[in-house]
Every structure is written in C-alpha cells, then in structure tokens.
Protein backbone atom coordinates (compact mmCIF):
# COMPACT_ATOMS: atom_id res chain seq x y z
CA MET A 1 7.62 -6.39 2.23
CA LYS A 2 6.91 -2.69 2.45
CA LEU A 3 7.05 -1.15 5.92
CA ARG A 4 4.35 1.35 6.73
CA GLU A 5 5.44 4.95 7.10
CA TYR A 6 5.41 4.94 10.90
CA GLU A 7 7.45 1.72 10.95
CA ALA A 8 9.99 3.12 8.49
CA LYS A 9 10.26 6.34 10.50
CA ASN A 10 10.86 4.37 13.69
CA VAL A 11 13.80 2.71 11.92
CA LEU A 12 15.11 6.10 10.79
CA ARG A 13 14.71 7.60 14.26
CA GLU A 14 16.60 4.73 15.87
CA SER A 15 19.43 5.28 13.38
CA GLY A 16 19.73 8.98 14.15
CA ILE A 17 17.84 10.43 11.17
CA PRO A 18 15.54 13.24 12.38
CA VAL A 19 11.80 12.70 11.77
CA PRO A 20 8.87 14.93 12.76
CA ALA A 21 7.40 14.46 16.24
CA GLY A 22 4.35 12.26 16.07
CA PHE A 23 2.55 9.12 17.17
CA LEU A 24 0.22 6.42 15.88
CA ILE A 25 -3.50 6.40 16.67
CA ARG A 26 -6.11 3.75 15.99
CA SER A 27 -9.17 5.91 16.68
CA ALA A 28 -9.96 9.62 16.68
CA ALA A 29 -10.52 9.48 20.44
CA GLU A 30 -6.85 8.62 20.99
CA LEU A 31 -5.81 11.95 19.48
CA ALA A 32 -7.52 14.34 21.94
CA PRO A 33 -5.37 13.70 25.06
CA ARG A 34 -2.12 14.01 23.07
CA LEU A 35 -2.72 17.20 21.09
CA ASP A 36 -0.08 19.07 23.10
CA GLU A 37 2.60 16.82 21.58
CA LEU A 38 1.82 18.09 18.08
CA GLY A 39 1.64 21.86 18.45
CA GLU A 40 -0.93 24.12 16.82
CA ALA A 41 -0.82 22.60 13.31
CA PHE A 42 -0.23 19.00 12.32
CA VAL A 43 -0.76 16.35 9.63
CA LEU A 44 -2.87 13.18 9.73
CA LYS A 45 -1.59 10.37 7.48
CA ALA A 46 -3.50 7.16 6.78
CA GLN A 47 -1.25 4.11 7.26
CA VAL A 48 -2.41 1.89 4.40
CA ASP A 49 -0.38 -0.45 2.21
CA VAL A 50 -0.92 1.43 -1.06
CA GLY A 51 0.85 4.19 -2.92
CA GLY A 52 -0.58 7.58 -3.83
CA ARG A 53 -2.22 8.20 -0.43
CA GLY A 54 -2.12 11.97 -0.79
CA LYS A 55 -3.88 12.04 -4.14
CA ALA A 56 -6.48 9.59 -2.80
CA GLY A 57 -7.33 11.75 0.21
CA GLY A 58 -5.29 9.82 2.74
CA ILE A 59 -3.27 12.80 4.04
CA LEU A 60 -5.15 15.65 5.75
CA MET A 61 -4.01 18.91 7.35
CA ALA A 62 -5.41 19.66 10.80
CA ASP A 63 -5.06 21.93 13.83
CA ARG A 64 -5.97 21.86 17.52
CA GLN A 65 -9.51 23.08 16.84
CA ASN A 66 -10.51 20.59 14.13
CA GLY A 67 -7.98 17.80 14.66
CA VAL A 68 -10.21 15.23 16.36
CA ALA A 69 -13.05 15.77 13.87
CA THR A 70 -10.63 15.56 10.93
CA ALA A 71 -9.18 12.31 12.30
CA GLY A 72 -12.72 10.95 12.59
CA GLU A 73 -13.31 11.75 8.91
CA LEU A 74 -10.08 10.00 7.93
CA PHE A 75 -10.95 6.83 9.85
CA LYS A 76 -14.23 6.62 7.92
CA LYS A 77 -12.44 6.61 4.55
CA GLU A 78 -11.23 3.87 2.26
CA ILE A 79 -7.98 4.64 0.45
CA ARG A 80 -7.86 2.80 -2.87
CA GLY A 81 -10.21 0.18 -1.47
CA LEU A 82 -8.45 -0.26 1.89
CA PRO A 83 -10.09 0.87 5.16
CA VAL A 84 -8.12 3.26 7.37
CA ARG A 85 -7.36 1.52 10.67
CA GLU A 86 -4.19 3.38 11.67
CA VAL A 87 -3.27 7.06 11.34
CA LEU A 88 0.08 8.75 11.92
CA ALA A 89 -0.45 12.12 13.63
CA GLU A 90 2.62 14.26 13.00
CA GLN A 91 3.70 17.84 13.59
CA ARG A 92 3.60 20.09 10.53
CA LEU A 93 7.02 21.26 9.43
CA SER A 94 8.01 24.73 8.21
CA ILE A 95 9.62 23.50 4.99
CA GLN A 96 12.28 25.60 3.29
CA HIS A 97 13.34 23.14 0.59
CA GLU A 98 12.51 19.57 -0.45
CA TYR A 99 15.02 16.95 -1.62
CA TYR A 100 14.71 13.36 -2.82
CA LEU A 101 16.96 10.58 -1.53
CA SER A 102 16.77 6.87 -2.18
CA ILE A 103 18.92 3.76 -2.16
CA THR A 104 17.95 0.76 -4.22
CA VAL A 105 19.56 -2.20 -5.96
CA ASP A 106 21.03 -1.71 -9.41
CA ARG A 107 20.33 -5.17 -10.81
CA ALA A 108 22.61 -4.71 -13.81
CA GLY A 109 25.52 -3.48 -11.71
CA LYS A 110 24.66 -5.77 -8.75
CA GLN A 111 25.39 -2.92 -6.36
CA PRO A 112 23.47 -0.44 -4.20
CA LEU A 113 22.50 2.63 -6.22
CA ILE A 114 22.05 5.98 -4.44
CA LEU A 115 19.88 8.67 -6.06
CA PHE A 116 19.74 12.26 -4.84
CA THR A 117 18.07 15.33 -6.32
CA GLU A 118 17.17 18.80 -5.16
CA ALA A 119 13.77 18.36 -6.85
CA GLY A 120 12.07 16.38 -4.10
CA GLY A 121 8.43 16.05 -3.12
CA VAL A 122 7.27 14.93 -6.57
CA ASP A 123 7.28 11.66 -8.47
CA ILE A 124 10.90 10.80 -9.16
CA GLU A 125 9.83 9.21 -12.45
CA VAL A 126 8.64 12.64 -13.67
CA THR A 127 11.94 14.28 -12.72
CA ALA A 128 13.92 11.46 -14.34
CA LYS A 129 11.99 11.91 -17.58
CA GLU A 130 11.79 15.69 -17.75
CA ARG A 131 15.02 16.68 -15.95
CA PRO A 132 17.40 13.71 -15.95
CA ASP A 133 20.39 15.96 -15.28
CA ALA A 134 18.84 16.96 -11.94
CA ILE A 135 19.35 13.48 -10.51
CA ARG A 136 22.78 12.61 -9.17
CA LYS A 137 23.68 8.91 -8.93
CA VAL A 138 26.47 6.80 -7.46
CA LEU A 139 27.01 3.05 -7.27
CA VAL A 140 28.50 1.74 -4.03
CA SER A 141 30.26 -1.60 -3.74
CA PRO A 142 28.27 -3.87 -1.40
CA LEU A 143 31.59 -4.68 0.28
CA LEU A 144 31.72 -1.13 1.65
CA GLN A 145 29.96 -0.56 4.97
CA GLU A 146 30.28 3.22 4.62
CA ILE A 147 29.91 5.63 1.70
CA PRO A 148 33.30 7.12 0.77
CA PRO A 149 33.50 10.90 1.36
CA PHE A 150 34.15 11.68 -2.32
CA MET A 151 30.88 9.93 -3.24
CA LEU A 152 28.99 11.98 -0.67
CA ARG A 153 30.44 15.18 -2.13
CA GLU A 154 29.45 14.04 -5.62
CA LEU A 155 25.88 13.39 -4.47
CA LEU A 156 25.42 16.56 -2.45
CA GLY A 157 26.68 19.10 -4.94
CA SER A 158 25.51 22.46 -3.60
CA ALA A 159 22.97 20.93 -1.16
CA PRO A 160 23.48 21.61 2.58
CA LYS A 161 26.27 19.58 4.16
CA GLU A 162 23.89 18.54 6.96
CA ILE A 163 22.30 16.12 4.48
CA GLY A 164 25.54 14.12 4.20
CA PRO A 165 25.10 12.26 7.52
CA VAL A 166 21.50 11.43 6.57
CA ILE A 167 22.70 9.76 3.37
CA SER A 168 25.32 7.79 5.29
CA ARG A 169 22.80 6.62 7.90
CA LEU A 170 20.23 5.66 5.29
CA TYR A 171 22.89 3.56 3.56
CA ARG A 172 23.58 1.70 6.81
CA ILE A 173 19.84 1.10 7.23
CA PHE A 174 19.69 -0.22 3.67
CA LEU A 175 22.38 -2.79 4.45
CA GLU A 176 21.27 -3.75 7.95
CA LYS A 177 17.59 -4.17 7.06
CA ASP A 178 18.21 -6.27 3.91
CA ALA A 179 16.33 -3.59 2.01
CA LEU A 180 15.46 -3.50 -1.67
CA LEU A 181 14.54 0.18 -1.30
CA ALA A 182 15.16 2.84 1.35
CA GLU A 183 13.64 6.17 0.34
CA ILE A 184 13.06 9.60 1.87
CA ASN A 185 10.78 11.78 -0.22
CA PRO A 186 10.77 14.52 0.69
CA LEU A 187 13.89 15.03 2.76
CA VAL A 188 13.37 18.62 3.89
CA THR A 189 15.27 21.50 5.36
CA THR A 190 13.53 23.63 7.99
CA PRO A 191 14.59 26.38 10.43
CA GLN A 192 15.01 23.56 12.97
CA GLY A 193 17.23 21.45 10.70
CA VAL A 194 16.91 18.51 8.29
CA PHE A 195 13.97 16.07 8.60
CA ALA A 196 12.66 12.99 6.81
CA ALA A 197 9.11 14.17 6.09
CA ASP A 198 8.19 10.81 4.56
CA ALA A 199 9.92 7.44 4.46
CA LYS A 200 9.64 4.15 2.63
CA ILE A 201 11.54 0.92 3.29
CA ILE A 202 10.96 -2.30 1.38
CA VAL A 203 12.55 -5.39 2.94
CA ASP A 204 13.60 -8.33 0.76
CA ASP A 205 10.96 -11.06 1.23
CA ASN A 206 13.75 -13.63 1.41
CA ALA A 207 15.17 -11.90 4.50
CA LEU A 208 11.96 -11.47 6.53
CA GLY A 209 12.90 -14.26 8.93
CA ARG A 210 16.31 -12.75 9.57
CA GLN A 211 14.66 -9.39 10.22
CA GLY A 212 12.26 -10.93 12.73
CA ILE A 213 9.19 -10.37 10.54
CA LYS A 214 6.84 -13.35 10.79
CA VAL A 215 4.02 -12.26 8.46
CA ASN A 216 4.46 -10.75 5.00
CA ARG A 217 1.64 -8.19 4.87
CA ASP A 218 2.15 -7.62 1.14
CA LEU A 219 0.77 -11.08 0.32
CA THR A 220 -2.90 -11.57 -0.44
CA ASP A 221 -4.73 -14.44 1.26
CA ARG A 222 -4.38 -16.45 -1.96
CA GLU A 223 -0.65 -15.73 -2.13
CA ARG A 224 -0.28 -16.92 1.47
CA GLU A 225 -2.13 -20.12 0.56
CA ALA A 226 0.20 -20.61 -2.41
CA GLU A 227 3.20 -20.07 -0.13
CA ALA A 228 1.87 -22.74 2.25
CA TYR A 229 1.74 -25.25 -0.63
CA GLY A 230 5.20 -24.22 -1.82
CA PHE A 231 4.01 -22.81 -5.16
CA SER A 232 5.86 -19.97 -6.88
CA TYR A 233 2.88 -17.68 -7.36
CA VAL A 234 2.20 -14.10 -8.43
CA GLU A 235 -1.19 -12.49 -9.00
CA LEU A 236 -1.71 -10.42 -12.14
CA ASP A 237 -4.83 -8.76 -13.55
CA GLY A 238 -5.90 -10.75 -16.61
CA ALA A 239 -8.54 -13.40 -17.35
CA ILE A 240 -6.31 -16.37 -18.29
CA GLY A 241 -5.11 -18.53 -15.41
CA VAL A 242 -1.68 -20.11 -15.90
CA ILE A 243 -0.22 -23.25 -14.33
CA GLY A 244 3.14 -24.63 -15.42
CA ASN A 245 6.04 -26.60 -14.02
CA GLY A 246 9.33 -24.74 -14.02
CA ALA A 247 9.74 -20.97 -13.94
CA GLY A 248 11.03 -20.80 -17.51
CA LEU A 249 8.12 -22.72 -19.01
CA THR A 250 5.57 -20.76 -16.97
CA MET A 251 7.13 -17.41 -17.94
CA ALA A 252 7.20 -18.47 -21.58
CA THR A 253 3.48 -19.22 -21.34
CA LEU A 254 2.82 -15.74 -19.95
CA ASP A 255 4.91 -14.18 -22.73
CA LEU A 256 2.97 -16.09 -25.37
CA ILE A 257 -0.35 -14.98 -23.88
CA GLU A 258 0.83 -11.38 -24.14
CA TYR A 259 2.06 -11.97 -27.69
CA TYR A 260 -1.36 -13.16 -28.83
CA GLY A 261 -3.14 -10.24 -27.21
CA GLY A 262 -4.36 -11.93 -24.04
CA ARG A 263 -3.75 -11.10 -20.39
CA ALA A 264 -2.61 -13.57 -17.77
CA ALA A 265 -4.33 -13.64 -14.38
CA ASN A 266 -1.39 -15.16 -12.55
CA PHE A 267 1.92 -16.96 -12.58
CA LEU A 268 1.91 -20.37 -10.85
CA ASP A 269 4.84 -22.77 -11.01
CA VAL A 270 3.61 -26.00 -9.45
CA GLY A 271 7.16 -27.36 -9.24
CA GLY A 272 8.69 -30.67 -10.29
CA GLY A 273 7.34 -34.06 -9.33
CA ALA A 274 3.87 -32.68 -8.58
CA GLU A 275 1.40 -35.37 -7.55
CA SER A 276 -2.35 -35.25 -8.16
CA ASP A 277 -3.23 -33.65 -4.83
CA ARG A 278 -0.75 -30.83 -5.39
CA VAL A 279 -2.06 -30.20 -8.91
CA MET A 280 -5.64 -30.18 -7.61
CA HIS A 281 -4.78 -27.45 -5.08
CA ALA A 282 -3.02 -25.42 -7.78
CA VAL A 283 -6.01 -25.57 -10.13
CA ARG A 284 -8.46 -24.62 -7.37
CA LEU A 285 -6.23 -21.78 -6.23
CA VAL A 286 -6.11 -20.24 -9.71
CA ALA A 287 -9.81 -20.87 -10.31
CA GLY A 288 -10.54 -18.89 -7.14
CA LEU A 289 -9.33 -15.67 -8.76
CA PRO A 290 -12.52 -13.72 -9.63
CA SER A 291 -11.13 -12.59 -12.98
CA VAL A 292 -10.24 -16.07 -14.30
CA ARG A 293 -12.39 -17.28 -17.21
CA VAL A 294 -10.12 -19.99 -18.55
CA ILE A 295 -7.08 -21.85 -17.24
CA VAL A 296 -4.05 -22.97 -19.24
CA VAL A 297 -2.20 -25.98 -17.82
CA ASN A 298 1.15 -26.34 -19.57
CA LEU A 299 3.29 -29.10 -18.08
CA LEU A 300 6.20 -31.19 -19.27
CA GLY A 301 6.46 -34.57 -17.61
CA GLY A 302 9.93 -35.51 -16.47
CA ILE A 303 9.83 -36.37 -12.81
CA THR A 304 6.27 -35.03 -13.03
CA LYS A 305 3.95 -37.76 -14.30
CA CYS A 306 1.26 -36.67 -16.76
CA ASP A 307 -1.33 -39.11 -15.39
CA GLU A 308 -0.93 -37.59 -11.91
CA VAL A 309 -1.43 -34.14 -13.42
CA ALA A 310 -4.58 -35.33 -15.19
CA LYS A 311 -6.00 -36.81 -11.98
CA GLY A 312 -5.38 -33.53 -10.17
CA ILE A 313 -7.10 -31.47 -12.86
CA ILE A 314 -10.14 -33.74 -12.79
CA ALA A 315 -10.30 -33.82 -8.98
CA ALA A 316 -10.28 -30.00 -8.84
CA GLY A 317 -13.79 -29.96 -10.32
CA ILE A 318 -13.78 -26.25 -11.18
CA PRO A 319 -16.42 -24.47 -13.32
CA GLN A 320 -13.96 -22.68 -15.63
CA LYS A 321 -12.72 -24.17 -18.89
CA VAL A 322 -9.31 -25.85 -18.60
CA ILE A 323 -7.12 -26.17 -21.70
CA VAL A 324 -4.25 -28.62 -21.30
CA ARG A 325 -0.91 -29.35 -22.93
CA LEU A 326 0.85 -32.40 -21.50
CA ALA A 327 4.03 -34.00 -22.76
CA GLY A 328 6.45 -36.50 -21.27
CA THR A 329 6.24 -39.28 -18.71
CA ASN A 330 2.93 -41.21 -18.85
CA GLU A 331 1.65 -38.76 -21.45
CA ASP A 332 -0.74 -41.24 -23.11
CA GLU A 333 -2.28 -42.26 -19.78
CA GLY A 334 -2.81 -38.61 -18.80
CA LYS A 335 -4.39 -37.68 -22.12
CA LYS A 336 -6.71 -40.70 -21.95
CA LEU A 337 -7.97 -39.68 -18.50
CA LEU A 338 -8.63 -36.11 -19.59
CA SER A 339 -10.20 -37.16 -22.88
CA GLU A 340 -12.71 -39.35 -21.07
CA LYS A 341 -13.82 -36.31 -19.07
CA GLY A 342 -14.07 -34.03 -22.11
CA TYR A 343 -11.14 -31.70 -21.43
CA ASP A 344 -9.60 -29.68 -24.28
CA MET A 345 -6.09 -30.97 -25.05
CA LEU A 346 -3.74 -29.54 -27.64
CA ASP A 347 -0.28 -30.67 -28.68
CA THR A 348 1.70 -27.43 -28.43
CA MET A 349 1.98 -24.48 -26.11
CA ASP A 350 1.25 -22.18 -29.03
CA LEU A 351 -2.08 -23.86 -29.78
CA VAL A 352 -3.11 -23.94 -26.11
CA VAL A 353 -2.45 -20.24 -25.65
CA LYS A 354 -4.22 -19.28 -28.89
CA LYS A 355 -7.28 -21.23 -27.77
CA ALA A 356 -7.30 -19.56 -24.34
CA VAL A 357 -7.03 -16.09 -25.85
CA GLU A 358 -9.96 -16.89 -28.16
CA VAL A 359 -12.06 -17.92 -25.17
CA THR A 360 -11.44 -14.60 -23.43
CA ALA A 361 -11.71 -12.39 -26.54
C-alpha cells in the first residue's frame, strides 16, 4: 500500500530526515489561522492516491495574500478522477540542487537496491533511458542493518557528504516499514541544509498487519470484496473477464488472451475445491466490472468438482456471455448442466480464448 506524501514525510521526520515545515488541512478555512507557520511563500499539495499530481494540477504555489483562495481552488478539483479531500500545506524551499534517492527490491538479486543520481526532480525512467551512467546503484545484503561506508561513498560520488546520513536513515526505514519502495524525489540542498522535498513509501501488502495498518487504501471496493471471499484478484483494463483455478492456469489464460489480440479485464483465481456458492460470487464479481463483455471460465477439476462449478455459473445469472472450459472430476455432469441452460462450452483453453476474443473484436 502506498502511503500518502504527508504520511511518508511523517515517517521520515520521525527517523531524523529533514522535511519542509508544513501541516495537513481538510478545508481552505483551516489554512488561515496557521499561515504564520509557513512563511511568505508556500506550496499546496493535493493528497490523492495517484501519480503525476503536478502535471494534473494537484500542486499549486501560493503566498500569504492568495493562499486561502488558492487552497479553495485546489479543494474544488479532481486529480485524475479523484476528489481532493486533503491538502499538505508546506513551506517553499530555496532549492540549490535536486537529487534522486530510492531503495527498492531487486527481485533478481533478492536484495535491497539503492539508486542515487544528481539528476533529481524528473522521471527516473527518463534519466535511466537517456543518461544511464548518471545513476549510481548498489545492492545491499538484507542481512545488513546498516549500509557499509564504502557503499555510501560509491553512491555519493561528488555529492555533498550531508546526504550520506539521509541514505542510511532511508535504508533503515525501508527495512523497518517492510517497504517495497522508499523514495525521495527530489532530495534537495538549500542554504538551510538537506531536505526531502517529496517522499514516497510503498508498504508490502503482506506486512500491513505487522505495520498496524488495518485498511489497504490501494484496493478498490471490488478488490476488497474479492479479498473477503479469499480470491486472488487483480483488476486490469480489458473487456474479457477471466476466472480460473490455480495461479498458473489463470495466468496462462491471460497470456493466451494477449496472444490472440484480446485484453483481459481481470485476474481471478477462485482457488481449489471451490463449491457452487463460491463460484457464483466469483462470476458476479467479475461481471460487475463495467468493461466486461464476456467471461472466460477455465477450470480443471481435481478437488474442484465440475458440477459444482456449473451450478455456480448458472446461479450467478449474469447478463454477459460466459464461455466455459471444464475438465476433470464430474466433468460430464457439469457439462450436462451447462448444456441444458445453453452455455457455450469448448474443449480446450485455446478454443475458449479464441471465442472470447472474437466476441469482443
């Protein structure tokens, strides 16, 4: 789950990383009595769970004279479809230079990967593509609780030494918060010292309970419903709904849809031993996606019984077309039930996917 900027900065502040003076407001009226805390010029930042806030008009410059009116304008906006309900009001820094610092997981190396570049404040992807030599990288063994000094020297290069402690503290945050990403972009130098002008922390969903986070804000309402039923579920942006049993089979179905030129609307692994009621909820969940025009049900019956799957599909009673491939335990009984209700059944995954892509073409 991604922490909002003010939450991430609170974590940085508690760990000794300097951040600009500021506070959270939930209405423009809350800003007026606290203007003295911000100085003459400040920044108003919409706290919404999307990227690209600045380009979408979610970050506005303000001063004492126009600050309250500017905050009122920001609260009236939608940033990439999300209403602005919280704004971080923050002092404006006199920036001398911008750096980029992040720590993430190198999945191939199975170790934390630290990235640092003196070309901060822009998309790191652009720098990586156009100036790969500008990015310095080190892998740190997850057994190490501190970054060795020689690694810090390698990362810093000619950058100010004051940045070294920031890197070390961000690494401790990365470990302690079970983070998948801890990023400061930009990390800036000013006449008053080094500051994290922006911050991003993404906590591993599997560690939310350990971190005391009860609600995963990154989930949609449908994803929360899927979690309640115990489905492995991810929303995508296509028109073909997908239900399978087993992650490998479901992923293979998605790959085949892509191969034949279609686009999947979701990934849903209903799990093993699914009974009719569970299948019914899965079908209704996928059918509730506005983009879904057809649903592919691709299940192999081992501990899952094909007749139970068929009963669940029928009980769902959805308006979209459902194309089914069943094989395994009680296969004949399942096919008979679906045939009597006029469902499309095909013998192979390949044929089912081809048919679904044709429907959405």
